[in-house]
Structure formats: structure tokens, C-alpha cells
Amino acid sequence: MVALAATTHVWVVVGGLLLALVVVLIAIDRIFAWVAKNATKHMRNDNAVTGGMRNVMGAMEEFVHPEIRHVHEEMDQRKSESGDKDPSER
């Protein structure tokens, strides 16, 4: 009788641990889903990369791809010829 009670107790503990593990995994999944949903809302913001960061990324892009510098120079030249201002300067 004691052996039966001991094995039943072990199975209750093992079952409880498995149930707790499943609950924790579901909670982690829901938390990550919530974070991902909120992060995509933030990343869709067009102003996420502004000011100095945009300048740093542009400079790094020009360093990696030198041909981009020519495109930027031509765009600047066309703007100066047409008299149009950059929309960010308005």
C-alpha cells in the first residue's frame, strides 16, 4: 500500500510539473506575440530613423557603395538647377 501511494505521489508531481511547463510555454508565446505586435506598430513609424541617424546611415551607405555618392551629387545638382528645396527643409 505504501509503494502504491509513493508512485501515485510521483506521478502527481510529474504531471504537475508538465502542466506548469505547458502553462509557462504558452505564457511566453503570448508575451512574445504581444511584443512583436507592438514592435511592428513602432517600426511602421516613418520617423523612426530621423536626423543624425539618417545621416550616419547615408554616410555608411556611401562608403559601402561609392556609386551612390554620384547619385546624391546629381540629385543635389538637379535641385540647385531647378530651385526646388528639399521637403525636409520646408
PDB file of N, CA and C in Angstrom:
ATOM      1  N   MET A   1       0.814  -1.182   0.000  1.00  0.00           N
ATOM      2  CA  MET A   1       0.000   0.000   0.000  1.00  0.00           C
ATOM      3  C   MET A   1       0.867   1.258   0.000  1.00  0.00           C
ATOM      4  N   VAL A   2       1.962   1.243   0.720  1.00  0.00           N
ATOM      5  CA  VAL A   2       2.865   2.388   0.794  1.00  0.00           C
ATOM      6  C   VAL A   2       3.533   2.610  -0.561  1.00  0.00           C
ATOM      7  N   ALA A   3       3.886   1.532  -1.249  1.00  0.00           N
ATOM      8  CA  ALA A   3       4.520   1.651  -2.563  1.00  0.00           C
ATOM      9  C   ALA A   3       3.556   2.272  -3.570  1.00  0.00           C
ATOM     10  N   LEU A   4       2.291   1.905  -3.496  1.00  0.00           N
ATOM     11  CA  LEU A   4       1.287   2.463  -4.392  1.00  0.00           C
ATOM     12  C   LEU A   4       1.096   3.950  -4.132  1.00  0.00           C
ATOM     13  N   ALA A   5       1.090   4.356  -2.893  1.00  0.00           N
ATOM     14  CA  ALA A   5       0.945   5.765  -2.529  1.00  0.00           C
ATOM     15  C   ALA A   5       2.155   6.562  -2.989  1.00  0.00           C
ATOM     16  N   ALA A   6       3.343   5.975  -2.890  1.00  0.00           N
ATOM     17  CA  ALA A   6       4.567   6.665  -3.305  1.00  0.00           C
ATOM     18  C   ALA A   6       4.590   6.864  -4.812  1.00  0.00           C
ATOM     19  N   THR A   7       4.196   5.851  -5.582  1.00  0.00           N
ATOM     20  CA  THR A   7       4.201   6.004  -7.038  1.00  0.00           C
ATOM     21  C   THR A   7       3.114   6.969  -7.495  1.00  0.00           C
ATOM     22  N   THR A   8       1.989   6.985  -6.823  1.00  0.00           N
ATOM     23  CA  THR A   8       0.923   7.927  -7.162  1.00  0.00           C
ATOM     24  C   THR A   8       1.388   9.354  -6.893  1.00  0.00           C
ATOM     25  N   HIS A   9       2.080   9.540  -5.788  1.00  0.00           N
ATOM     26  CA  HIS A   9       2.607  10.866  -5.444  1.00  0.00           C
ATOM     27  C   HIS A   9       3.610  11.326  -6.506  1.00  0.00           C
ATOM     28  N   VAL A  10       4.460  10.441  -6.981  1.00  0.00           N
ATOM     29  CA  VAL A  10       5.451  10.793  -8.002  1.00  0.00           C
ATOM     30  C   VAL A  10       4.749  11.219  -9.287  1.00  0.00           C
ATOM     31  N   TRP A  11       3.721  10.473  -9.685  1.00  0.00           N
ATOM     32  CA  TRP A  11       3.003  10.812 -10.914  1.00  0.00           C
ATOM     33  C   TRP A  11       2.253  12.138 -10.789  1.00  0.00           C
ATOM     34  N   VAL A  12       1.764  12.440  -9.624  1.00  0.00           N
ATOM     35  CA  VAL A  12       1.094  13.725  -9.416  1.00  0.00           C
ATOM     36  C   VAL A  12       2.107  14.865  -9.543  1.00  0.00           C
ATOM     37  N   VAL A  13       3.279  14.667  -8.977  1.00  0.00           N
ATOM     38  CA  VAL A  13       4.330  15.696  -9.069  1.00  0.00           C
ATOM     39  C   VAL A  13       4.781  15.864 -10.513  1.00  0.00           C
ATOM     40  N   VAL A  14       5.027  14.759 -11.218  1.00  0.00           N
ATOM     41  CA  VAL A  14       5.467  14.821 -12.610  1.00  0.00           C
ATOM     42  C   VAL A  14       4.379  15.477 -13.473  1.00  0.00           C
ATOM     43  N   GLY A  15       3.149  15.106 -13.276  1.00  0.00           N
ATOM     44  CA  GLY A  15       2.048  15.710 -14.021  1.00  0.00           C
ATOM     45  C   GLY A  15       1.921  17.188 -13.738  1.00  0.00           C
ATOM     46  N   GLY A  16       2.079  17.577 -12.489  1.00  0.00           N
ATOM     47  CA  GLY A  16       2.029  18.987 -12.126  1.00  0.00           C
ATOM     48  C   GLY A  16       3.153  19.784 -12.771  1.00  0.00           C
ATOM     49  N   LEU A  17       4.350  19.194 -12.790  1.00  0.00           N
ATOM     50  CA  LEU A  17       5.483  19.873 -13.432  1.00  0.00           C
ATOM     51  C   LEU A  17       5.258  20.017 -14.934  1.00  0.00           C
ATOM     52  N   LEU A  18       4.734  18.975 -15.575  1.00  0.00           N
ATOM     53  CA  LEU A  18       4.453  19.067 -17.009  1.00  0.00           C
ATOM     54  C   LEU A  18       3.381  20.112 -17.301  1.00  0.00           C
ATOM     55  N   LEU A  19       2.365  20.154 -16.472  1.00  0.00           N
ATOM     56  CA  LEU A  19       1.312  21.159 -16.640  1.00  0.00           C
ATOM     57  C   LEU A  19       1.871  22.570 -16.452  1.00  0.00           C
ATOM     58  N   ALA A  20       2.722  22.739 -15.444  1.00  0.00           N
ATOM     59  CA  ALA A  20       3.336  24.043 -15.207  1.00  0.00           C
ATOM     60  C   ALA A  20       4.227  24.442 -16.394  1.00  0.00           C
ATOM     61  N   LEU A  21       4.947  23.489 -16.962  1.00  0.00           N
ATOM     62  CA  LEU A  21       5.802  23.758 -18.116  1.00  0.00           C
ATOM     63  C   LEU A  21       4.967  24.205 -19.315  1.00  0.00           C
ATOM     64  N   VAL A  22       3.858  23.539 -19.550  1.00  0.00           N
ATOM     65  CA  VAL A  22       2.973  23.916 -20.654  1.00  0.00           C
ATOM     66  C   VAL A  22       2.413  25.318 -20.434  1.00  0.00           C
ATOM     67  N   VAL A  23       2.007  25.631 -19.232  1.00  0.00           N
ATOM     68  CA  VAL A  23       1.465  26.959 -18.929  1.00  0.00           C
ATOM     69  C   VAL A  23       2.533  28.027 -19.139  1.00  0.00           C
ATOM     70  N   VAL A  24       3.744  27.768 -18.700  1.00  0.00           N
ATOM     71  CA  VAL A  24       4.833  28.738 -18.869  1.00  0.00           C
ATOM     72  C   VAL A  24       5.131  28.939 -20.355  1.00  0.00           C
ATOM     73  N   LEU A  25       5.181  27.866 -21.135  1.00  0.00           N
ATOM     74  CA  LEU A  25       5.457  27.989 -22.565  1.00  0.00           C
ATOM     75  C   LEU A  25       4.357  28.775 -23.287  1.00  0.00           C
ATOM     76  N   ILE A  26       3.115  28.543 -22.925  1.00  0.00           N
ATOM     77  CA  ILE A  26       2.015  29.292 -23.533  1.00  0.00           C
ATOM     78  C   ILE A  26       2.105  30.769 -23.142  1.00  0.00           C
ATOM     79  N   ALA A  27       2.440  31.048 -21.900  1.00  0.00           N
ATOM     80  CA  ALA A  27       2.576  32.436 -21.449  1.00  0.00           C
ATOM     81  C   ALA A  27       3.707  33.136 -22.199  1.00  0.00           C
ATOM     82  N   ILE A  28       4.833  32.461 -22.371  1.00  0.00           N
ATOM     83  CA  ILE A  28       5.961  33.047 -23.109  1.00  0.00           C
ATOM     84  C   ILE A  28       5.563  33.319 -24.557  1.00  0.00           C
ATOM     85  N   ASP A  29       4.852  32.372 -25.162  1.00  0.00           N
ATOM     86  CA  ASP A  29       4.397  32.556 -26.536  1.00  0.00           C
ATOM     87  C   ASP A  29       3.495  33.776 -26.662  1.00  0.00           C
ATOM     88  N   ARG A  30       2.554  33.933 -25.750  1.00  0.00           N
ATOM     89  CA  ARG A  30       1.632  35.072 -25.799  1.00  0.00           C
ATOM     90  C   ARG A  30       2.363  36.386 -25.561  1.00  0.00           C
ATOM     91  N   ILE A  31       3.331  36.378 -24.650  1.00  0.00           N
ATOM     92  CA  ILE A  31       4.100  37.597 -24.371  1.00  0.00           C
ATOM     93  C   ILE A  31       4.894  38.007 -25.599  1.00  0.00           C
ATOM     94  N   PHE A  32       5.566  37.050 -26.244  1.00  0.00           N
ATOM     95  CA  PHE A  32       6.338  37.371 -27.448  1.00  0.00           C
ATOM     96  C   PHE A  32       5.438  37.817 -28.588  1.00  0.00           C
ATOM     97  N   ALA A  33       4.246  37.240 -28.710  1.00  0.00           N
ATOM     98  CA  ALA A  33       3.303  37.673 -29.741  1.00  0.00           C
ATOM     99  C   ALA A  33       2.872  39.113 -29.489  1.00  0.00           C
ATOM    100  N   TRP A  34       2.616  39.461 -28.246  1.00  0.00           N
ATOM    101  CA  TRP A  34       2.224  40.828 -27.902  1.00  0.00           C
ATOM    102  C   TRP A  34       3.349  41.811 -28.197  1.00  0.00           C
ATOM    103  N   VAL A  35       4.584  41.437 -27.824  1.00  0.00           N
ATOM    104  CA  VAL A  35       5.738  42.308 -28.075  1.00  0.00           C
ATOM    105  C   VAL A  35       5.941  42.486 -29.576  1.00  0.00           C
ATOM    106  N   ALA A  36       5.814  41.411 -30.348  1.00  0.00           N
ATOM    107  CA  ALA A  36       6.000  41.509 -31.794  1.00  0.00           C
ATOM    108  C   ALA A  36       4.944  42.412 -32.415  1.00  0.00           C
ATOM    109  N   LYS A  37       3.711  42.308 -31.956  1.00  0.00           N
ATOM    110  CA  LYS A  37       2.641  43.143 -32.499  1.00  0.00           C
ATOM    111  C   LYS A  37       2.912  44.612 -32.198  1.00  0.00           C
ATOM    112  N   ASN A  38       3.336  44.916 -31.006  1.00  0.00           N
ATOM    113  CA  ASN A  38       3.612  46.304 -30.636  1.00  0.00           C
ATOM    114  C   ASN A  38       4.883  46.819 -31.293  1.00  0.00           C
ATOM    115  N   ALA A  39       5.857  45.954 -31.510  1.00  0.00           N
ATOM    116  CA  ALA A  39       7.099  46.377 -32.151  1.00  0.00           C
ATOM    117  C   ALA A  39       6.850  46.722 -33.614  1.00  0.00           C
ATOM    118  N   THR A  40       5.981  45.971 -34.293  1.00  0.00           N
ATOM    119  CA  THR A  40       5.703  46.288 -35.697  1.00  0.00           C
ATOM    120  C   THR A  40       4.969  47.611 -35.807  1.00  0.00           C
ATOM    121  N   LYS A  41       4.135  47.940 -34.839  1.00  0.00           N
ATOM    122  CA  LYS A  41       3.482  49.252 -34.863  1.00  0.00           C
ATOM    123  C   LYS A  41       4.521  50.358 -34.754  1.00  0.00           C
ATOM    124  N   HIS A  42       5.519  50.155 -33.911  1.00  0.00           N
ATOM    125  CA  HIS A  42       6.568  51.163 -33.745  1.00  0.00           C
ATOM    126  C   HIS A  42       7.445  51.239 -34.988  1.00  0.00           C
ATOM    127  N   MET A  43       7.756  50.102 -35.583  1.00  0.00           N
ATOM    128  CA  MET A  43       8.645  50.089 -36.735  1.00  0.00           C
ATOM    129  C   MET A  43       7.983  50.670 -37.979  1.00  0.00           C
ATOM    130  N   ARG A  44       6.664  50.678 -38.056  1.00  0.00           N
ATOM    131  CA  ARG A  44       5.972  51.263 -39.204  1.00  0.00           C
ATOM    132  C   ARG A  44       6.028  52.772 -39.176  1.00  0.00           C
ATOM    133  N   ASN A  45       6.415  53.341 -38.057  1.00  0.00           N
ATOM    134  CA  ASN A  45       6.510  54.784 -37.936  1.00  0.00           C
ATOM    135  C   ASN A  45       7.591  55.287 -38.892  1.00  0.00           C
ATOM    136  N   ASP A  46       7.219  56.183 -39.803  1.00  0.00           N
ATOM    137  CA  ASP A  46       8.169  56.675 -40.802  1.00  0.00           C
ATOM    138  C   ASP A  46       9.264  57.527 -40.174  1.00  0.00           C
ATOM    139  N   ASN A  47       9.026  58.074 -39.009  1.00  0.00           N
ATOM    140  CA  ASN A  47      10.005  58.933 -38.360  1.00  0.00           C
ATOM    141  C   ASN A  47      10.943  58.152 -37.446  1.00  0.00           C
ATOM    142  N   ALA A  48      10.974  56.826 -37.577  1.00  0.00           N
ATOM    143  CA  ALA A  48      11.799  56.022 -36.684  1.00  0.00           C
ATOM    144  C   ALA A  48      13.285  56.334 -36.878  1.00  0.00           C
ATOM    145  N   VAL A  49      13.702  56.552 -38.122  1.00  0.00           N
ATOM    146  CA  VAL A  49      15.097  56.892 -38.388  1.00  0.00           C
ATOM    147  C   VAL A  49      15.109  58.337 -38.853  1.00  0.00           C
ATOM    148  N   THR A  50      15.513  59.226 -37.985  1.00  0.00           N
ATOM    149  CA  THR A  50      15.493  60.645 -38.331  1.00  0.00           C
ATOM    150  C   THR A  50      16.796  61.302 -37.936  1.00  0.00           C
ATOM    151  N   GLY A  51      16.995  62.456 -38.490  1.00  0.00           N
ATOM    152  CA  GLY A  51      18.100  63.312 -38.082  1.00  0.00           C
ATOM    153  C   GLY A  51      19.463  62.681 -38.226  1.00  0.00           C
ATOM    154  N   GLY A  52      20.200  62.661 -37.140  1.00  0.00           N
ATOM    155  CA  GLY A  52      21.576  62.202 -37.152  1.00  0.00           C
ATOM    156  C   GLY A  52      21.727  60.755 -37.576  1.00  0.00           C
ATOM    157  N   MET A  53      20.787  59.919 -37.174  1.00  0.00           N
ATOM    158  CA  MET A  53      20.885  58.515 -37.543  1.00  0.00           C
ATOM    159  C   MET A  53      20.770  58.338 -39.049  1.00  0.00           C
ATOM    160  N   ARG A  54      19.888  59.106 -39.684  1.00  0.00           N
ATOM    161  CA  ARG A  54      19.747  59.027 -41.142  1.00  0.00           C
ATOM    162  C   ARG A  54      21.040  59.473 -41.807  1.00  0.00           C
ATOM    163  N   ASN A  55      21.692  60.504 -41.281  1.00  0.00           N
ATOM    164  CA  ASN A  55      22.951  60.970 -41.845  1.00  0.00           C
ATOM    165  C   ASN A  55      24.050  59.927 -41.695  1.00  0.00           C
ATOM    166  N   VAL A  56      24.092  59.274 -40.550  1.00  0.00           N
ATOM    167  CA  VAL A  56      25.101  58.234 -40.325  1.00  0.00           C
ATOM    168  C   VAL A  56      24.880  57.070 -41.279  1.00  0.00           C
ATOM    169  N   MET A  57      23.626  56.658 -41.416  1.00  0.00           N
ATOM    170  CA  MET A  57      23.341  55.538 -42.310  1.00  0.00           C
ATOM    171  C   MET A  57      23.636  55.907 -43.760  1.00  0.00           C
ATOM    172  N   GLY A  58      23.349  57.153 -44.153  1.00  0.00           N
ATOM    173  CA  GLY A  58      23.651  57.592 -45.511  1.00  0.00           C
ATOM    174  C   GLY A  58      25.141  57.614 -45.771  1.00  0.00           C
ATOM    175  N   ALA A  59      25.912  58.075 -44.807  1.00  0.00           N
ATOM    176  CA  ALA A  59      27.364  58.101 -44.960  1.00  0.00           C
ATOM    177  C   ALA A  59      27.923  56.684 -45.043  1.00  0.00           C
ATOM    178  N   MET A  60      27.385  55.783 -44.230  1.00  0.00           N
ATOM    179  CA  MET A  60      27.859  54.406 -44.268  1.00  0.00           C
ATOM    180  C   MET A  60      27.493  53.757 -45.609  1.00  0.00           C
ATOM    181  N   GLU A  61      26.304  54.066 -46.115  1.00  0.00           N
ATOM    182  CA  GLU A  61      25.894  53.514 -47.403  1.00  0.00           C
ATOM    183  C   GLU A  61      26.789  54.031 -48.526  1.00  0.00           C
ATOM    184  N   GLU A  62      27.155  55.308 -48.477  1.00  0.00           N
ATOM    185  CA  GLU A  62      28.063  55.865 -49.475  1.00  0.00           C
ATOM    186  C   GLU A  62      29.441  55.218 -49.392  1.00  0.00           C
ATOM    187  N   PHE A  63      29.878  54.876 -48.188  1.00  0.00           N
ATOM    188  CA  PHE A  63      31.174  54.224 -48.027  1.00  0.00           C
ATOM    189  C   PHE A  63      31.148  52.818 -48.618  1.00  0.00           C
ATOM    190  N   VAL A  64      30.058  52.091 -48.368  1.00  0.00           N
ATOM    191  CA  VAL A  64      29.959  50.709 -48.849  1.00  0.00           C
ATOM    192  C   VAL A  64      29.708  50.685 -50.353  1.00  0.00           C
ATOM    193  N   HIS A  65      28.871  51.590 -50.850  1.00  0.00           N
ATOM    194  CA  HIS A  65      28.524  51.657 -52.268  1.00  0.00           C
ATOM    195  C   HIS A  65      28.903  53.034 -52.798  1.00  0.00           C
ATOM    196  N   PRO A  66      30.125  53.200 -53.295  1.00  0.00           N
ATOM    197  CA  PRO A  66      30.578  54.536 -53.733  1.00  0.00           C
ATOM    198  C   PRO A  66      29.736  55.113 -54.870  1.00  0.00           C
ATOM    199  N   GLU A  67      29.098  54.274 -55.673  1.00  0.00           N
ATOM    200  CA  GLU A  67      28.310  54.791 -56.784  1.00  0.00           C
ATOM    201  C   GLU A  67      27.106  55.599 -56.307  1.00  0.00           C
ATOM    202  N   ILE A  68      26.697  55.405 -55.090  1.00  0.00           N
ATOM    203  CA  ILE A  68      25.563  56.154 -54.546  1.00  0.00           C
ATOM    204  C   ILE A  68      25.927  57.626 -54.392  1.00  0.00           C
ATOM    205  N   ARG A  69      27.191  57.915 -54.123  1.00  0.00           N
ATOM    206  CA  ARG A  69      27.619  59.300 -53.976  1.00  0.00           C
ATOM    207  C   ARG A  69      27.321  60.081 -55.257  1.00  0.00           C
ATOM    208  N   HIS A  70      27.551  59.444 -56.412  1.00  0.00           N
ATOM    209  CA  HIS A  70      27.286  60.113 -57.675  1.00  0.00           C
ATOM    210  C   HIS A  70      25.789  60.412 -57.839  1.00  0.00           C
ATOM    211  N   VAL A  71      24.963  59.498 -57.413  1.00  0.00           N
ATOM    212  CA  VAL A  71      23.520  59.705 -57.482  1.00  0.00           C
ATOM    213  C   VAL A  71      23.118  60.877 -56.592  1.00  0.00           C
ATOM    214  N   HIS A  72      23.665  60.934 -55.394  1.00  0.00           N
ATOM    215  CA  HIS A  72      23.344  62.032 -54.476  1.00  0.00           C
ATOM    216  C   HIS A  72      23.840  63.368 -55.036  1.00  0.00           C
ATOM    217  N   GLU A  73      25.044  63.363 -55.637  1.00  0.00           N
ATOM    218  CA  GLU A  73      25.566  64.601 -56.208  1.00  0.00           C
ATOM    219  C   GLU A  73      24.702  65.075 -57.368  1.00  0.00           C
ATOM    220  N   GLU A  74      24.247  64.135 -58.196  1.00  0.00           N
ATOM    221  CA  GLU A  74      23.392  64.514 -59.318  1.00  0.00           C
ATOM    222  C   GLU A  74      22.041  65.036 -58.834  1.00  0.00           C
ATOM    223  N   MET A  75      21.500  64.416 -57.801  1.00  0.00           N
ATOM    224  CA  MET A  75      20.230  64.893 -57.240  1.00  0.00           C
ATOM    225  C   MET A  75      20.387  66.295 -56.680  1.00  0.00           C
ATOM    226  N   ASP A  76      21.495  66.543 -55.970  1.00  0.00           N
ATOM    227  CA  ASP A  76      21.744  67.881 -55.430  1.00  0.00           C
ATOM    228  C   ASP A  76      21.895  68.909 -56.545  1.00  0.00           C
ATOM    229  N   GLN A  77      22.578  68.516 -57.625  1.00  0.00           N
ATOM    230  CA  GLN A  77      22.774  69.424 -58.749  1.00  0.00           C
ATOM    231  C   GLN A  77      21.437  69.750 -59.415  1.00  0.00           C
ATOM    232  N   ARG A  78      20.595  68.749 -59.591  1.00  0.00           N
ATOM    233  CA  ARG A  78      19.281  68.987 -60.211  1.00  0.00           C
ATOM    234  C   ARG A  78      18.420  69.886 -59.318  1.00  0.00           C
ATOM    235  N   LYS A  79      18.498  69.693 -58.019  1.00  0.00           N
ATOM    236  CA  LYS A  79      17.726  70.537 -57.103  1.00  0.00           C
ATOM    237  C   LYS A  79      18.196  71.987 -57.179  1.00  0.00           C
ATOM    238  N   SER A  80      19.516  72.174 -57.248  1.00  0.00           N
ATOM    239  CA  SER A  80      20.027  73.535 -57.297  1.00  0.00           C
ATOM    240  C   SER A  80      19.682  74.200 -58.630  1.00  0.00           C
ATOM    241  N   GLU A  81      19.650  73.429 -59.709  1.00  0.00           N
ATOM    242  CA  GLU A  81      19.298  73.995 -61.015  1.00  0.00           C
ATOM    243  C   GLU A  81      17.820  74.353 -61.090  1.00  0.00           C
ATOM    244  N   SER A  82      16.974  73.517 -60.523  1.00  0.00           N
ATOM    245  CA  SER A  82      15.537  73.765 -60.610  1.00  0.00           C
ATOM    246  C   SER A  82      15.057  74.717 -59.516  1.00  0.00           C
ATOM    247  N   GLY A  83      15.842  74.908 -58.497  1.00  0.00           N
ATOM    248  CA  GLY A  83      15.465  75.812 -57.419  1.00  0.00           C
ATOM    249  C   GLY A  83      14.563  75.174 -56.384  1.00  0.00           C
ATOM    250  N   ASP A  84      14.323  73.881 -56.517  1.00  0.00           N
ATOM    251  CA  ASP A  84      13.476  73.188 -55.542  1.00  0.00           C
ATOM    252  C   ASP A  84      14.268  72.954 -54.261  1.00  0.00           C
ATOM    253  N   LYS A  85      13.521  73.024 -53.185  1.00  0.00           N
ATOM    254  CA  LYS A  85      14.143  72.732 -51.896  1.00  0.00           C
ATOM    255  C   LYS A  85      13.813  71.322 -51.475  1.00  0.00           C
ATOM    256  N   ASP A  86      14.638  70.807 -50.608  1.00  0.00           N
ATOM    257  CA  ASP A  86      14.393  69.501 -50.034  1.00  0.00           C
ATOM    258  C   ASP A  86      13.142  69.580 -49.183  1.00  0.00           C
ATOM    259  N   PRO A  87      12.218  68.604 -49.275  1.00  0.00           N
ATOM    260  CA  PRO A  87      10.993  68.661 -48.464  1.00  0.00           C
ATOM    261  C   PRO A  87      11.249  68.736 -46.967  1.00  0.00           C
ATOM    262  N   SER A  88      12.384  68.213 -46.526  1.00  0.00           N
ATOM    263  CA  SER A  88      12.678  68.276 -45.095  1.00  0.00           C
ATOM    264  C   SER A  88      13.104  69.686 -44.657  1.00  0.00           C
ATOM    265  N   GLU A  89      13.462  70.533 -45.602  1.00  0.00           N
ATOM    266  CA  GLU A  89      13.901  71.889 -45.264  1.00  0.00           C
ATOM    267  C   GLU A  89      12.757  72.884 -45.255  1.00  0.00           C
ATOM    268  N   ARG A  90      11.577  72.476 -45.617  1.00  0.00           N
ATOM    269  CA  ARG A  90      10.422  73.392 -45.659  1.00  0.00           C
ATOM    270  C   ARG A  90       9.961  73.782 -44.302  1.00  0.00           C
TER     271      ARG A  90
END
